[in-house]
Full PDB file with SEQRES, HELIX, SHEET, SSBOND, CRYST1, ORIGX, SCALE, CONECT and MASTER records, all heavy atoms in Angstrom:
SEQRES   1 A   42  ASN LEU VAL GLU ARG LYS ARG CYS ILE GLY ASN VAL THR          
SEQRES   2 A   42  PRO GLU GLY TYR PRO GLY TYR GLY GLY HIS TRP PRO GLU          
SEQRES   3 A   42  PHE ARG PRO PRO GLN GLU THR ASP SER ARG CYS SER CYS          
SEQRES   4 A   42  PRO GLY LEU                                                  
HELIX    1 AA1 TYR A   20  GLY A   22  5                                   3    
CRYST1    1.000    1.000    1.000  90.00  90.00  90.00 P 1           1          
ORIGX1      1.000000  0.000000  0.000000        0.00000                         
ORIGX2      0.000000  1.000000  0.000000        0.00000                         
ORIGX3      0.000000  0.000000  1.000000        0.00000                         
SCALE1      1.000000  0.000000  0.000000        0.00000                         
SCALE2      0.000000  1.000000  0.000000        0.00000                         
SCALE3      0.000000  0.000000  1.000000        0.00000                         
ATOM      1  N   ASN A   1      60.620  59.776 -46.900  1.00  0.00           N  
ATOM      2  CA  ASN A   1      59.770  58.610 -46.608  1.00  0.00           C  
ATOM      3  C   ASN A   1      58.288  58.986 -46.509  1.00  0.00           C  
ATOM      4  O   ASN A   1      57.413  58.162 -46.778  1.00  0.00           O  
ATOM      5  CB  ASN A   1      60.202  57.955 -45.294  1.00  0.00           C  
ATOM      6  CG  ASN A   1      61.348  56.971 -45.481  1.00  0.00           C  
ATOM      7  OD1 ASN A   1      61.622  56.510 -46.587  1.00  0.00           O  
ATOM      8  ND2 ASN A   1      62.025  56.649 -44.392  1.00  0.00           N  
ATOM      9  N   LEU A   2      58.034  60.234 -46.116  1.00  0.00           N  
ATOM     10  CA  LEU A   2      56.658  60.694 -45.972  1.00  0.00           C  
ATOM     11  C   LEU A   2      55.980  60.930 -47.317  1.00  0.00           C  
ATOM     12  O   LEU A   2      54.754  60.815 -47.436  1.00  0.00           O  
ATOM     13  CB  LEU A   2      56.614  61.979 -45.142  1.00  0.00           C  
ATOM     14  CG  LEU A   2      57.040  61.874 -43.677  1.00  0.00           C  
ATOM     15  CD1 LEU A   2      57.061  63.257 -43.044  1.00  0.00           C  
ATOM     16  CD2 LEU A   2      56.104  60.948 -42.907  1.00  0.00           C  
ATOM     17  N   VAL A   3      56.768  61.257 -48.325  1.00  0.00           N  
ATOM     18  CA  VAL A   3      56.184  61.659 -49.606  1.00  0.00           C  
ATOM     19  C   VAL A   3      56.364  60.615 -50.711  1.00  0.00           C  
ATOM     20  O   VAL A   3      55.644  60.637 -51.705  1.00  0.00           O  
ATOM     21  CB  VAL A   3      56.766  63.009 -50.077  1.00  0.00           C  
ATOM     22  CG1 VAL A   3      56.431  64.104 -49.058  1.00  0.00           C  
ATOM     23  CG2 VAL A   3      58.270  62.932 -50.279  1.00  0.00           C  
ATOM     24  N   GLU A   4      57.325  59.710 -50.531  1.00  0.00           N  
ATOM     25  CA  GLU A   4      57.570  58.715 -51.567  1.00  0.00           C  
ATOM     26  C   GLU A   4      56.743  57.451 -51.317  1.00  0.00           C  
ATOM     27  O   GLU A   4      56.364  57.151 -50.187  1.00  0.00           O  
ATOM     28  CB  GLU A   4      59.058  58.366 -51.633  1.00  0.00           C  
ATOM     29  CG  GLU A   4      59.913  59.523 -52.128  1.00  0.00           C  
ATOM     30  CD  GLU A   4      61.376  59.141 -52.282  1.00  0.00           C  
ATOM     31  OE1 GLU A   4      61.727  57.976 -51.984  1.00  0.00           O  
ATOM     32  OE2 GLU A   4      62.172  60.002 -52.687  1.00  0.00           O  
ATOM     33  N   ARG A   5      56.469  56.736 -52.388  1.00  0.00           N  
ATOM     34  CA  ARG A   5      55.669  55.520 -52.302  1.00  0.00           C  
ATOM     35  C   ARG A   5      56.416  54.436 -51.525  1.00  0.00           C  
ATOM     36  O   ARG A   5      57.631  54.263 -51.680  1.00  0.00           O  
ATOM     37  CB  ARG A   5      55.359  55.023 -53.710  1.00  0.00           C  
ATOM     38  CG  ARG A   5      54.456  53.800 -53.767  1.00  0.00           C  
ATOM     39  CD  ARG A   5      54.094  53.462 -55.193  1.00  0.00           C  
ATOM     40  NE  ARG A   5      53.346  54.562 -55.810  1.00  0.00           N  
ATOM     41  CZ  ARG A   5      52.965  54.557 -57.087  1.00  0.00           C  
ATOM     42  NH1 ARG A   5      53.267  53.527 -57.867  1.00  0.00           N  
ATOM     43  NH2 ARG A   5      52.290  55.588 -57.582  1.00  0.00           N  
ATOM     44  N   LYS A   6      55.674  53.693 -50.704  1.00  0.00           N  
ATOM     45  CA  LYS A   6      56.284  52.597 -49.939  1.00  0.00           C  
ATOM     46  C   LYS A   6      56.651  51.442 -50.863  1.00  0.00           C  
ATOM     47  O   LYS A   6      56.108  51.296 -51.963  1.00  0.00           O  
ATOM     48  CB  LYS A   6      55.318  52.102 -48.853  1.00  0.00           C  
ATOM     49  CG  LYS A   6      55.080  53.088 -47.727  1.00  0.00           C  
ATOM     50  CD  LYS A   6      54.164  52.481 -46.663  1.00  0.00           C  
ATOM     51  CE  LYS A   6      53.969  53.443 -45.503  1.00  0.00           C  
ATOM     52  NZ  LYS A   6      53.083  52.861 -44.446  1.00  0.00           N  
ATOM     53  N   ARG A   7      57.581  50.638 -50.406  1.00  0.00           N  
ATOM     54  CA  ARG A   7      57.938  49.443 -51.153  1.00  0.00           C  
ATOM     55  C   ARG A   7      56.769  48.461 -51.136  1.00  0.00           C  
ATOM     56  O   ARG A   7      56.063  48.330 -50.145  1.00  0.00           O  
ATOM     57  CB  ARG A   7      59.172  48.776 -50.550  1.00  0.00           C  
ATOM     58  CG  ARG A   7      60.403  49.675 -50.584  1.00  0.00           C  
ATOM     59  CD  ARG A   7      61.636  48.951 -50.066  1.00  0.00           C  
ATOM     60  NE  ARG A   7      62.765  49.868 -49.954  1.00  0.00           N  
ATOM     61  CZ  ARG A   7      64.002  49.503 -49.633  1.00  0.00           C  
ATOM     62  NH1 ARG A   7      64.260  48.227 -49.371  1.00  0.00           N  
ATOM     63  NH2 ARG A   7      64.967  50.402 -49.554  1.00  0.00           N  
ATOM     64  N   CYS A   8      56.581  47.775 -52.247  1.00  0.00           N  
ATOM     65  CA  CYS A   8      55.474  46.824 -52.361  1.00  0.00           C  
ATOM     66  C   CYS A   8      55.741  45.598 -51.498  1.00  0.00           C  
ATOM     67  O   CYS A   8      56.883  45.151 -51.371  1.00  0.00           O  
ATOM     68  CB  CYS A   8      55.297  46.393 -53.809  1.00  0.00           C  
ATOM     69  SG  CYS A   8      54.810  47.735 -54.915  1.00  0.00           S  
ATOM     70  N   ILE A   9      54.690  45.063 -50.913  1.00  0.00           N  
ATOM     71  CA  ILE A   9      54.810  43.818 -50.158  1.00  0.00           C  
ATOM     72  C   ILE A   9      55.317  42.735 -51.098  1.00  0.00           C  
ATOM     73  O   ILE A   9      54.810  42.564 -52.208  1.00  0.00           O  
ATOM     74  CB  ILE A   9      53.451  43.426 -49.549  1.00  0.00           C  
ATOM     75  CG1 ILE A   9      53.012  44.461 -48.511  1.00  0.00           C  
ATOM     76  CG2 ILE A   9      53.521  42.036 -48.913  1.00  0.00           C  
ATOM     77  CD1 ILE A   9      51.623  44.238 -47.960  1.00  0.00           C  
ATOM     78  N   GLY A  10      56.320  42.018 -50.660  1.00  0.00           N  
ATOM     79  CA  GLY A  10      56.954  41.007 -51.490  1.00  0.00           C  
ATOM     80  C   GLY A  10      58.197  41.504 -52.185  1.00  0.00           C  
ATOM     81  O   GLY A  10      58.954  40.717 -52.767  1.00  0.00           O  
ATOM     82  N   ASN A  11      58.427  42.826 -52.124  1.00  0.00           N  
ATOM     83  CA  ASN A  11      59.606  43.418 -52.764  1.00  0.00           C  
ATOM     84  C   ASN A  11      60.314  44.401 -51.839  1.00  0.00           C  
ATOM     85  O   ASN A  11      60.892  45.385 -52.297  1.00  0.00           O  
ATOM     86  CB  ASN A  11      59.211  44.129 -54.066  1.00  0.00           C  
ATOM     87  CG  ASN A  11      58.852  43.156 -55.166  1.00  0.00           C  
ATOM     88  OD1 ASN A  11      59.720  42.531 -55.766  1.00  0.00           O  
ATOM     89  ND2 ASN A  11      57.562  43.015 -55.414  1.00  0.00           N  
ATOM     90  N   VAL A  12      60.262  44.123 -50.540  1.00  0.00           N  
ATOM     91  CA  VAL A  12      60.927  45.012 -49.582  1.00  0.00           C  
ATOM     92  C   VAL A  12      62.436  44.814 -49.621  1.00  0.00           C  
ATOM     93  O   VAL A  12      63.201  45.780 -49.631  1.00  0.00           O  
ATOM     94  CB  VAL A  12      60.390  44.771 -48.154  1.00  0.00           C  
ATOM     95  CG1 VAL A  12      61.187  45.575 -47.139  1.00  0.00           C  
ATOM     96  CG2 VAL A  12      58.909  45.159 -48.081  1.00  0.00           C  
ATOM     97  N   THR A  13      62.882  43.562 -49.658  1.00  0.00           N  
ATOM     98  CA  THR A  13      64.316  43.288 -49.761  1.00  0.00           C  
ATOM     99  C   THR A  13      64.774  43.612 -51.177  1.00  0.00           C  
ATOM    100  O   THR A  13      64.192  43.116 -52.151  1.00  0.00           O  
ATOM    101  CB  THR A  13      64.617  41.807 -49.444  1.00  0.00           C  
ATOM    102  OG1 THR A  13      64.087  41.481 -48.166  1.00  0.00           O  
ATOM    103  CG2 THR A  13      66.122  41.550 -49.448  1.00  0.00           C  
ATOM    104  N   PRO A  14      65.809  44.435 -51.346  1.00  0.00           N  
ATOM    105  CA  PRO A  14      66.225  44.856 -52.691  1.00  0.00           C  
ATOM    106  C   PRO A  14      66.719  43.691 -53.545  1.00  0.00           C  
ATOM    107  O   PRO A  14      67.307  42.733 -53.036  1.00  0.00           O  
ATOM    108  CB  PRO A  14      67.377  45.836 -52.410  1.00  0.00           C  
ATOM    109  CG  PRO A  14      67.217  46.246 -50.988  1.00  0.00           C  
ATOM    110  CD  PRO A  14      66.601  45.078 -50.295  1.00  0.00           C  
ATOM    111  N   GLU A  15      66.475  43.766 -54.829  1.00  0.00           N  
ATOM    112  CA  GLU A  15      66.982  42.757 -55.756  1.00  0.00           C  
ATOM    113  C   GLU A  15      68.504  42.750 -55.701  1.00  0.00           C  
ATOM    114  O   GLU A  15      69.150  43.799 -55.649  1.00  0.00           O  
ATOM    115  CB  GLU A  15      66.505  43.060 -57.181  1.00  0.00           C  
ATOM    116  CG  GLU A  15      66.837  41.969 -58.171  1.00  0.00           C  
ATOM    117  CD  GLU A  15      66.186  42.191 -59.529  1.00  0.00           C  
ATOM    118  OE1 GLU A  15      65.489  43.218 -59.704  1.00  0.00           O  
ATOM    119  OE2 GLU A  15      66.374  41.321 -60.408  1.00  0.00           O  
ATOM    120  N   GLY A  16      69.068  41.570 -55.689  1.00  0.00           N  
ATOM    121  CA  GLY A  16      70.518  41.447 -55.596  1.00  0.00           C  
ATOM    122  C   GLY A  16      71.019  41.213 -54.182  1.00  0.00           C  
ATOM    123  O   GLY A  16      72.188  40.875 -53.982  1.00  0.00           O  
ATOM    124  N   TYR A  17      70.121  41.388 -53.190  1.00  0.00           N  
ATOM    125  CA  TYR A  17      70.480  41.148 -51.792  1.00  0.00           C  
ATOM    126  C   TYR A  17      69.981  39.760 -51.372  1.00  0.00           C  
ATOM    127  O   TYR A  17      68.960  39.284 -51.882  1.00  0.00           O  
ATOM    128  CB  TYR A  17      69.843  42.187 -50.877  1.00  0.00           C  
ATOM    129  CG  TYR A  17      70.570  43.504 -50.816  1.00  0.00           C  
ATOM    130  CD1 TYR A  17      70.481  44.422 -51.857  1.00  0.00           C  
ATOM    131  CD2 TYR A  17      71.356  43.845 -49.714  1.00  0.00           C  
ATOM    132  CE1 TYR A  17      71.144  45.633 -51.809  1.00  0.00           C  
ATOM    133  CE2 TYR A  17      72.015  45.056 -49.642  1.00  0.00           C  
ATOM    134  CZ  TYR A  17      71.906  45.948 -50.697  1.00  0.00           C  
ATOM    135  OH  TYR A  17      72.571  47.150 -50.651  1.00  0.00           O  
ATOM    136  N   PRO A  18      70.673  39.104 -50.428  1.00  0.00           N  
ATOM    137  CA  PRO A  18      70.148  37.849 -49.882  1.00  0.00           C  
ATOM    138  C   PRO A  18      68.746  38.081 -49.324  1.00  0.00           C  
ATOM    139  O   PRO A  18      68.486  39.089 -48.685  1.00  0.00           O  
ATOM    140  CB  PRO A  18      71.139  37.512 -48.756  1.00  0.00           C  
ATOM    141  CG  PRO A  18      72.400  38.228 -49.113  1.00  0.00           C  
ATOM    142  CD  PRO A  18      71.965  39.485 -49.808  1.00  0.00           C  
ATOM    143  N   GLY A  19      67.836  37.155 -49.599  1.00  0.00           N  
ATOM    144  CA  GLY A  19      66.476  37.281 -49.102  1.00  0.00           C  
ATOM    145  C   GLY A  19      65.517  37.921 -50.081  1.00  0.00           C  
ATOM    146  O   GLY A  19      64.320  38.057 -49.780  1.00  0.00           O  
ATOM    147  N   TYR A  20      65.996  38.315 -51.253  1.00  0.00           N  
ATOM    148  CA  TYR A  20      65.100  38.922 -52.241  1.00  0.00           C  
ATOM    149  C   TYR A  20      63.988  37.943 -52.591  1.00  0.00           C  
ATOM    150  O   TYR A  20      64.223  36.772 -52.854  1.00  0.00           O  
ATOM    151  CB  TYR A  20      65.886  39.296 -53.507  1.00  0.00           C  
ATOM    152  CG  TYR A  20      65.018  39.792 -54.635  1.00  0.00           C  
ATOM    153  CD1 TYR A  20      64.346  41.017 -54.530  1.00  0.00           C  
ATOM    154  CD2 TYR A  20      64.839  39.041 -55.799  1.00  0.00           C  
ATOM    155  CE1 TYR A  20      63.537  41.479 -55.558  1.00  0.00           C  
ATOM    156  CE2 TYR A  20      64.042  39.491 -56.830  1.00  0.00           C  
ATOM    157  CZ  TYR A  20      63.383  40.712 -56.702  1.00  0.00           C  
ATOM    158  OH  TYR A  20      62.577  41.180 -57.722  1.00  0.00           O  
ATOM    159  N   GLY A  21      62.769  38.421 -52.545  1.00  0.00           N  
ATOM    160  CA  GLY A  21      61.613  37.577 -52.823  1.00  0.00           C  
ATOM    161  C   GLY A  21      61.265  36.629 -51.692  1.00  0.00           C  
ATOM    162  O   GLY A  21      60.457  35.720 -51.869  1.00  0.00           O  
ATOM    163  N   GLY A  22      61.868  36.858 -50.523  1.00  0.00           N  
ATOM    164  CA  GLY A  22      61.575  36.012 -49.366  1.00  0.00           C  
ATOM    165  C   GLY A  22      62.366  34.722 -49.324  1.00  0.00           C  
ATOM    166  O   GLY A  22      62.107  33.856 -48.482  1.00  0.00           O  
ATOM    167  N   HIS A  23      63.363  34.575 -50.203  1.00  0.00           N  
ATOM    168  CA  HIS A  23      64.166  33.353 -50.260  1.00  0.00           C  
ATOM    169  C   HIS A  23      65.504  33.589 -49.564  1.00  0.00           C  
ATOM    170  O   HIS A  23      66.428  34.169 -50.137  1.00  0.00           O  
ATOM    171  CB  HIS A  23      64.376  32.920 -51.715  1.00  0.00           C  
ATOM    172  CG  HIS A  23      63.101  32.727 -52.482  1.00  0.00           C  
ATOM    173  ND1 HIS A  23      62.191  31.752 -52.156  1.00  0.00           N  
ATOM    174  CD2 HIS A  23      62.577  33.422 -53.534  1.00  0.00           C  
ATOM    175  CE1 HIS A  23      61.161  31.810 -52.994  1.00  0.00           C  
ATOM    176  NE2 HIS A  23      61.361  32.823 -53.826  1.00  0.00           N  
ATOM    177  N   TRP A  24      65.583  33.135 -48.329  1.00  0.00           N  
ATOM    178  CA  TRP A  24      66.790  33.370 -47.525  1.00  0.00           C  
ATOM    179  C   TRP A  24      67.785  32.235 -47.689  1.00  0.00           C  
ATOM    180  O   TRP A  24      67.393  31.085 -47.895  1.00  0.00           O  
ATOM    181  CB  TRP A  24      66.400  33.523 -46.051  1.00  0.00           C  
ATOM    182  CG  TRP A  24      65.543  34.721 -45.832  1.00  0.00           C  
ATOM    183  CD1 TRP A  24      64.187  34.750 -45.679  1.00  0.00           C  
ATOM    184  CD2 TRP A  24      65.975  36.083 -45.814  1.00  0.00           C  
ATOM    185  NE1 TRP A  24      63.750  36.042 -45.553  1.00  0.00           N  
ATOM    186  CE2 TRP A  24      64.829  36.884 -45.638  1.00  0.00           C  
ATOM    187  CE3 TRP A  24      67.212  36.703 -45.923  1.00  0.00           C  
ATOM    188  CZ2 TRP A  24      64.887  38.271 -45.565  1.00  0.00           C  
ATOM    189  CZ3 TRP A  24      67.288  38.083 -45.858  1.00  0.00           C  
ATOM    190  CH2 TRP A  24      66.135  38.850 -45.688  1.00  0.00           C  
ATOM    191  N   PRO A  25      69.080  32.546 -47.600  1.00  0.00           N  
ATOM    192  CA  PRO A  25      70.083  31.476 -47.648  1.00  0.00           C  
ATOM    193  C   PRO A  25      69.821  30.452 -46.547  1.00  0.00           C  
ATOM    194  O   PRO A  25      69.169  30.749 -45.540  1.00  0.00           O  
ATOM    195  CB  PRO A  25      71.406  32.226 -47.408  1.00  0.00           C  
ATOM    196  CG  PRO A  25      71.131  33.637 -47.816  1.00  0.00           C  
ATOM    197  CD  PRO A  25      69.689  33.880 -47.483  1.00  0.00           C  
ATOM    198  N   GLU A  26      70.346  29.267 -46.731  1.00  0.00           N  
ATOM    199  CA  GLU A  26      70.112  28.161 -45.794  1.00  0.00           C  
ATOM    200  C   GLU A  26      70.476  28.546 -44.357  1.00  0.00           C  
ATOM    201  O   GLU A  26      71.518  29.152 -44.106  1.00  0.00           O  
ATOM    202  CB  GLU A  26      70.945  26.949 -46.201  1.00  0.00           C  
ATOM    203  CG  GLU A  26      70.790  25.747 -45.283  1.00  0.00           C  
ATOM    204  CD  GLU A  26      71.769  24.635 -45.606  1.00  0.00           C  
ATOM    205  OE1 GLU A  26      72.604  24.825 -46.512  1.00  0.00           O  
ATOM    206  OE2 GLU A  26      71.706  23.575 -44.948  1.00  0.00           O  
ATOM    207  N   PHE A  27      69.604  28.188 -43.441  1.00  0.00           N  
ATOM    208  CA  PHE A  27      69.869  28.394 -42.019  1.00  0.00           C  
ATOM    209  C   PHE A  27      70.700  27.238 -41.482  1.00  0.00           C  
ATOM    210  O   PHE A  27      70.387  26.063 -41.713  1.00  0.00           O  
ATOM    211  CB  PHE A  27      68.552  28.484 -41.244  1.00  0.00           C  
ATOM    212  CG  PHE A  27      68.727  28.438 -39.747  1.00  0.00           C  
ATOM    213  CD1 PHE A  27      69.088  29.575 -39.044  1.00  0.00           C  
ATOM    214  CD2 PHE A  27      68.531  27.244 -39.052  1.00  0.00           C  
ATOM    215  CE1 PHE A  27      69.255  29.538 -37.666  1.00  0.00           C  
ATOM    216  CE2 PHE A  27      68.691  27.194 -37.670  1.00  0.00           C  
ATOM    217  CZ  PHE A  27      69.060  28.347 -36.979  1.00  0.00           C  
ATOM    218  N   ARG A  28      71.770  27.601 -40.748  1.00  0.00           N  
ATOM    219  CA  ARG A  28      72.579  26.596 -40.053  1.00  0.00           C  
ATOM    220  C   ARG A  28      72.861  27.095 -38.651  1.00  0.00           C  
ATOM    221  O   ARG A  28      73.378  28.214 -38.483  1.00  0.00           O  
ATOM    222  CB  ARG A  28      73.904  26.356 -40.774  1.00  0.00           C  
ATOM    223  CG  ARG A  28      73.802  25.815 -42.185  1.00  0.00           C  
ATOM    224  CD  ARG A  28      75.175  25.641 -42.788  1.00  0.00           C  
ATOM    225  NE  ARG A  28      75.141  25.524 -44.235  1.00  0.00           N  
ATOM    226  CZ  ARG A  28      76.202  25.646 -45.017  1.00  0.00           C  
ATOM    227  NH1 ARG A  28      77.392  25.889 -44.474  1.00  0.00           N  
ATOM    228  NH2 ARG A  28      76.087  25.530 -46.328  1.00  0.00           N  
ATOM    229  N   PRO A  29      72.532  26.304 -37.641  1.00  0.00           N  
ATOM    230  CA  PRO A  29      72.832  26.722 -36.264  1.00  0.00           C  
ATOM    231  C   PRO A  29      74.337  26.911 -36.093  1.00  0.00           C  
ATOM    232  O   PRO A  29      75.134  26.252 -36.775  1.00  0.00           O  
ATOM    233  CB  PRO A  29      72.318  25.554 -35.412  1.00  0.00           C  
ATOM    234  CG  PRO A  29      71.362  24.821 -36.292  1.00  0.00           C  
ATOM    235  CD  PRO A  29      71.860  24.993 -37.690  1.00  0.00           C  
ATOM    236  N   PRO A  30      74.743  27.796 -35.208  1.00  0.00           N  
ATOM    237  CA  PRO A  30      76.178  28.033 -35.009  1.00  0.00           C  
ATOM    238  C   PRO A  30      76.892  26.824 -34.427  1.00  0.00           C  
ATOM    239  O   PRO A  30      76.310  26.046 -33.668  1.00  0.00           O  
ATOM    240  CB  PRO A  30      76.207  29.216 -34.033  1.00  0.00           C  
ATOM    241  CG  PRO A  30      74.892  29.154 -33.323  1.00  0.00           C  
ATOM    242  CD  PRO A  30      73.916  28.631 -34.323  1.00  0.00           C  
ATOM    243  N   GLN A  31      78.162  26.669 -34.799  1.00  0.00           N  
ATOM    244  CA  GLN A  31      79.016  25.642 -34.230  1.00  0.00           C  
ATOM    245  C   GLN A  31      79.647  26.170 -32.943  1.00  0.00           C  
ATOM    246  O   GLN A  31      79.648  27.368 -32.670  1.00  0.00           O  
ATOM    247  CB  GLN A  31      80.092  25.239 -35.233  1.00  0.00           C  
ATOM    248  CG  GLN A  31      79.540  24.734 -36.570  1.00  0.00           C  
ATOM    249  CD  GLN A  31      78.669  23.500 -36.411  1.00  0.00           C  
ATOM    250  OE1 GLN A  31      79.103  22.497 -35.856  1.00  0.00           O  
ATOM    251  NE2 GLN A  31      77.424  23.576 -36.884  1.00  0.00           N  
ATOM    252  N   GLU A  32      80.204  25.263 -32.182  1.00  0.00           N  
ATOM    253  CA  GLU A  32      80.745  25.630 -30.871  1.00  0.00           C  
ATOM    254  C   GLU A  32      81.845  26.679 -30.972  1.00  0.00           C  
ATOM    255  O   GLU A  32      81.990  27.522 -30.090  1.00  0.00           O  
ATOM    256  CB  GLU A  32      81.284  24.373 -30.175  1.00  0.00           C  
ATOM    257  CG  GLU A  32      81.728  24.605 -28.734  1.00  0.00           C  
ATOM    258  CD  GLU A  32      82.141  23.335 -28.045  1.00  0.00           C  
ATOM    259  OE1 GLU A  32      81.863  22.240 -28.574  1.00  0.00           O  
ATOM    260  OE2 GLU A  32      82.755  23.422 -26.961  1.00  0.00           O  
ATOM    261  N   THR A  33      82.607  26.644 -32.052  1.00  0.00           N  
ATOM    262  CA  THR A  33      83.728  27.581 -32.202  1.00  0.00           C  
ATOM    263  C   THR A  33      83.324  28.896 -32.866  1.00  0.00           C  
ATOM    264  O   THR A  33      84.156  29.796 -32.997  1.00  0.00           O  
ATOM    265  CB  THR A  33      84.856  26.934 -33.029  1.00  0.00           C  
ATOM    266  OG1 THR A  33      84.322  26.512 -34.297  1.00  0.00           O  
ATOM    267  CG2 THR A  33      85.443  25.738 -32.293  1.00  0.00           C  
ATOM    268  N   ASP A  34      82.060  29.014 -33.298  1.00  0.00           N  
ATOM    269  CA  ASP A  34      81.608  30.241 -33.949  1.00  0.00           C  
ATOM    270  C   ASP A  34      81.428  31.364 -32.932  1.00  0.00           C  
ATOM    271  O   ASP A  34      81.229  31.115 -31.743  1.00  0.00           O  
ATOM    272  CB  ASP A  34      80.287  29.996 -34.682  1.00  0.00           C  
ATOM    273  CG  ASP A  34      80.447  29.093 -35.892  1.00  0.00           C  
ATOM    274  OD1 ASP A  34      81.596  28.910 -36.333  1.00  0.00           O  
ATOM    275  OD2 ASP A  34      79.435  28.566 -36.387  1.00  0.00           O  
ATOM    276  N   SER A  35      81.483  32.580 -33.415  1.00  0.00           N  
ATOM    277  CA  SER A  35      81.313  33.756 -32.563  1.00  0.00           C  
ATOM    278  C   SER A  35      79.917  34.324 -32.755  1.00  0.00           C  
ATOM    279  O   SER A  35      79.477  34.559 -33.880  1.00  0.00           O  
ATOM    280  CB  SER A  35      82.364  34.824 -32.911  1.00  0.00           C  
ATOM    281  OG  SER A  35      82.253  35.944 -32.056  1.00  0.00           O  
ATOM    282  N   ARG A  36      79.213  34.513 -31.642  1.00  0.00           N  
ATOM    283  CA  ARG A  36      77.898  35.128 -31.670  1.00  0.00           C  
ATOM    284  C   ARG A  36      77.825  36.175 -30.561  1.00  0.00           C  
ATOM    285  O   ARG A  36      78.679  36.239 -29.674  1.00  0.00           O  
ATOM    286  CB  ARG A  36      76.795  34.077 -31.478  1.00  0.00           C  
ATOM    287  CG  ARG A  36      76.684  33.072 -32.628  1.00  0.00           C  
ATOM    288  CD  ARG A  36      76.233  33.725 -33.917  1.00  0.00           C  
ATOM    289  NE  ARG A  36      75.991  32.755 -34.970  1.00  0.00           N  
ATOM    290  CZ  ARG A  36      76.901  32.383 -35.871  1.00  0.00           C  
ATOM    291  NH1 ARG A  36      78.135  32.891 -35.816  1.00  0.00           N  
ATOM    292  NH2 ARG A  36      76.602  31.504 -36.820  1.00  0.00           N  
ATOM    293  N   CYS A  37      76.782  37.012 -30.597  1.00  0.00           N  
ATOM    294  CA  CYS A  37      76.665  38.115 -29.645  1.00  0.00           C  
ATOM    295  C   CYS A  37      75.252  38.165 -29.065  1.00  0.00           C  
ATOM    296  O   CYS A  37      74.436  37.279 -29.304  1.00  0.00           O  
ATOM    297  CB  CYS A  37      77.023  39.440 -30.316  1.00  0.00           C  
ATOM    298  SG  CYS A  37      75.892  39.908 -31.666  1.00  0.00           S  
ATOM    299  N   SER A  38      74.961  39.216 -28.345  1.00  0.00           N  
ATOM    300  CA  SER A  38      73.652  39.349 -27.689  1.00  0.00           C  
ATOM    301  C   SER A  38      72.562  39.849 -28.619  1.00  0.00           C  
ATOM    302  O   SER A  38      71.400  39.914 -28.222  1.00  0.00           O  
ATOM    303  CB  SER A  38      73.774  40.295 -26.488  1.00  0.00           C  
ATOM    304  OG  SER A  38      74.288  41.551 -26.902  1.00  0.00           O  
ATOM    305  N   CYS A  39      72.916  40.195 -29.862  1.00  0.00           N  
ATOM    306  CA  CYS A  39      71.929  40.739 -30.809  1.00  0.00           C  
ATOM    307  C   CYS A  39      71.404  39.641 -31.719  1.00  0.00           C  
ATOM    308  O   CYS A  39      72.148  39.129 -32.573  1.00  0.00           O  
ATOM    309  CB  CYS A  39      72.556  41.848 -31.645  1.00  0.00           C  
ATOM    310  SG  CYS A  39      71.463  42.493 -32.936  1.00  0.00           S  
ATOM    311  N   PRO A  40      70.136  39.255 -31.592  1.00  0.00           N  
ATOM    312  CA  PRO A  40      69.595  38.195 -32.459  1.00  0.00           C  
ATOM    313  C   PRO A  40      69.601  38.573 -33.937  1.00  0.00           C  
ATOM    314  O   PRO A  40      69.724  37.695 -34.794  1.00  0.00           O  
ATOM    315  CB  PRO A  40      68.172  37.994 -31.928  1.00  0.00           C  
ATOM    316  CG  PRO A  40      67.835  39.246 -31.187  1.00  0.00           C  
ATOM    317  CD  PRO A  40      69.127  39.741 -30.626  1.00  0.00           C  
ATOM    318  N   GLY A  41      69.481  39.857 -34.228  1.00  0.00           N  
ATOM    319  CA  GLY A  41      69.481  40.285 -35.621  1.00  0.00           C  
ATOM    320  C   GLY A  41      70.804  40.025 -36.316  1.00  0.00           C  
ATOM    321  O   GLY A  41      70.835  39.581 -37.471  1.00  0.00           O  
ATOM    322  N   LEU A  42      71.907  40.274 -35.618  1.00  0.00           N  
ATOM    323  CA  LEU A  42      73.222  40.011 -36.195  1.00  0.00           C  
ATOM    324  C   LEU A  42      73.507  38.514 -36.231  1.00  0.00           C  
ATOM    325  O   LEU A  42      74.081  38.002 -37.193  1.00  0.00           O  
ATOM    326  CB  LEU A  42      74.303  40.739 -35.393  1.00  0.00           C  
ATOM    327  CG  LEU A  42      74.220  42.266 -35.368  1.00  0.00           C  
ATOM    328  CD1 LEU A  42      75.393  42.850 -34.598  1.00  0.00           C  
ATOM    329  CD2 LEU A  42      74.174  42.836 -36.785  1.00  0.00           C  
TER     330      LEU A  42                                                      
MASTER        0    0    0    1    0    0    0    6  329    1    0    4          
END                                                                             
């Protein structure tokens, strides 16, 4: 990481992954029966 070039702004999320180009799948709040945890990232 110290010697290789950083990822360009706008291309941090790899192509082929959700969120590529800043376009995230639709957000939907959890339903009452869904499972969630204490980690906001997950």
